[in-house]
Protein backbone atom coordinates (compact mmCIF):
# COMPACT_ATOMS: atom_id res chain seq x y z
CA PHE A 1 -83.03 63.10 -116.49
CA GLU A 2 -79.93 61.98 -115.72
CA SER A 3 -80.35 57.87 -116.23
CA ARG A 4 -79.39 56.29 -112.84
CA PRO A 5 -77.14 52.64 -112.22
CA ARG A 6 -80.12 49.67 -111.51
CA ASN A 7 -79.30 49.65 -107.80
CA GLN A 8 -79.88 53.03 -106.93
CA ASN A 9 -83.61 52.67 -108.41
CA TYR A 10 -83.74 49.36 -105.79
CA ILE A 11 -82.36 51.23 -103.45
CA ARG A 12 -85.17 54.17 -103.22
CA ARG A 13 -88.03 51.78 -104.13
CA GLU A 14 -87.33 49.41 -101.14
CA TRP A 15 -86.84 52.27 -98.68
CA TRP A 16 -90.42 54.28 -100.22
CA LYS A 17 -91.01 50.49 -99.13
CA PHE A 18 -89.71 50.89 -95.43
CA ILE A 19 -91.24 54.47 -95.10
CA LYS A 20 -94.70 53.51 -95.60
CA LYS A 21 -94.70 50.66 -93.76
CA VAL A 22 -92.70 53.17 -90.78
CA ILE A 23 -96.17 55.03 -91.36
CA ASN A 24 -98.02 52.66 -90.44
CA LEU A 25 -97.47 51.99 -87.28
CA ILE A 26 -97.71 55.20 -86.18
CA TYR A 27 -101.01 56.24 -83.85
CA HIS A 28 -102.17 59.07 -85.26
CA VAL A 29 -102.83 56.85 -88.89
CA GLN A 30 -104.37 53.80 -87.57
CA VAL A 31 -106.88 55.63 -85.36
CA VAL A 32 -107.40 57.72 -89.33
CA LYS A 33 -107.97 54.32 -90.99
CA LYS A 34 -110.44 53.54 -88.53
CA ILE A 35 -112.32 56.25 -88.51
CA GLU A 36 -112.25 55.59 -92.50
CA ASN A 37 -113.38 52.30 -92.06
CA ARG A 38 -116.26 53.08 -89.86
CA THR A 39 -117.88 55.78 -91.92
CA PRO A 40 -116.42 56.88 -95.34
CA GLY A 41 -115.38 60.61 -95.92
CA SER A 42 -115.83 61.68 -92.52
CA SER A 43 -111.55 61.24 -91.86
CA PRO A 44 -109.85 64.22 -90.42
CA LYS A 45 -108.96 67.21 -92.92
CA ILE A 46 -104.94 67.41 -94.05
CA GLY A 47 -103.33 69.20 -90.55
CA GLU A 48 -106.14 68.91 -88.32
CA ARG A 49 -105.17 66.74 -85.09
CA ILE A 50 -105.76 63.21 -84.25
CA PRO A 51 -107.11 62.91 -80.61
CA TYR A 52 -106.60 58.94 -79.71
CA VAL A 53 -106.00 57.46 -76.30
CA PHE A 54 -104.74 53.38 -75.71
CA ILE A 55 -107.86 50.47 -75.18
CA GLU A 56 -107.82 47.11 -73.47
CA THR A 57 -107.07 44.31 -76.15
CA LYS A 58 -107.79 40.82 -75.49
CA ASN A 59 -104.48 38.65 -76.31
CA GLU A 60 -106.56 35.47 -76.32
CA ASP A 61 -104.55 33.84 -78.24
CA LYS A 62 -100.90 35.13 -76.24
CA LYS A 63 -99.28 36.78 -79.21
CA THR A 64 -98.03 40.00 -78.18
CA VAL A 65 -100.03 43.11 -79.22
CA LEU A 66 -98.46 46.07 -80.49
CA GLN A 67 -98.90 49.26 -79.08
CA TYR A 68 -100.28 51.03 -81.68
CA MET A 69 -103.35 48.25 -82.96
CA LYS A 70 -103.86 49.57 -79.44
CA ALA A 71 -104.86 52.95 -80.81
CA GLU A 72 -108.35 54.67 -80.78
CA ASP A 73 -110.44 57.87 -81.48
CA PRO A 74 -112.02 58.55 -77.73
CA VAL A 75 -115.59 59.15 -79.14
CA TYR A 76 -115.34 55.71 -80.61
CA VAL A 77 -114.51 54.17 -77.31
CA LYS A 78 -117.14 56.28 -75.42
CA GLU A 79 -119.81 55.42 -77.63
CA ASN A 80 -119.22 51.82 -77.65
CA ASN A 81 -118.17 51.82 -73.65
CA LEU A 82 -114.42 50.21 -74.49
CA LYS A 83 -112.51 50.20 -71.36
CA LEU A 84 -108.89 52.03 -71.55
CA ASP A 85 -105.40 50.57 -70.78
CA VAL A 86 -104.81 51.69 -67.38
CA LYS A 87 -101.38 49.61 -67.31
CA TYR A 88 -100.05 51.64 -69.80
CA TYR A 89 -101.48 54.74 -68.57
CA LEU A 90 -100.41 53.82 -64.89
CA GLU A 91 -96.97 52.83 -65.89
CA HIS A 92 -96.12 55.46 -68.81
CA SER A 93 -98.14 58.54 -67.30
CA LEU A 94 -97.90 58.60 -63.94
CA LEU A 95 -95.73 56.14 -62.47
CA SER A 96 -91.88 57.89 -63.74
CA PRO A 97 -93.28 61.19 -62.38
CA ILE A 98 -94.89 60.07 -59.15
CA GLU A 99 -91.59 57.92 -58.54
CA SER A 100 -89.18 60.82 -58.85
CA LEU A 101 -91.20 63.04 -56.78
CA TYR A 102 -91.49 59.98 -53.90
CA SER A 103 -87.83 58.83 -54.44
CA LEU A 104 -86.85 61.85 -51.90
CA PHE A 105 -88.86 60.22 -49.25
CA ILE A 106 -88.45 56.27 -49.93
CA ASP A 107 -86.69 53.75 -51.37
CA ASN A 108 -88.23 51.82 -54.58
CA PRO A 109 -91.51 54.19 -54.25
CA GLY A 110 -92.80 52.69 -57.57
CA ILE A 111 -93.10 49.34 -55.89
CA ALA A 112 -94.45 50.84 -52.35
CA LEU A 113 -96.54 52.49 -54.15
CA PHE A 114 -97.86 51.08 -57.26
CA ALA A 115 -97.20 47.38 -56.81
CA GLU A 116 -101.02 46.41 -55.90
CA ILE A 117 -102.46 48.53 -58.45
CA LEU A 118 -100.07 47.18 -61.05
CA GLN A 119 -100.06 43.67 -60.39
CA GLU A 120 -104.28 43.90 -60.75
CA TYR A 121 -103.62 45.08 -64.11
CA LYS A 122 -100.83 42.55 -65.03
CA VAL A 123 -102.03 41.36 -68.44
């Protein structure tokens, strides 16, 4: 065991605190925690894939809801008839590839094709 100066131990301790905070922001980790809280002992095994979807959340106090807080188990969403975050999926999964394709034919295809839909789901 080699002795380290005190400040190196402090840096190492602070680094691990930071790593633990970052790990808690990962979608999969949040979903596993939710599954474990609902039904103890039923959380997925190490190495198992964790499916998740983003759900719509009510933002009554006008605070920003971070995306990792919206991650949820698809089975739970289906069983409890929760709504998906349609705006997120439109903006991040559909809009960009469709804009790229239609930009050959239309100026500002995102606005031309999706303005009404995005306005409908505007938060």
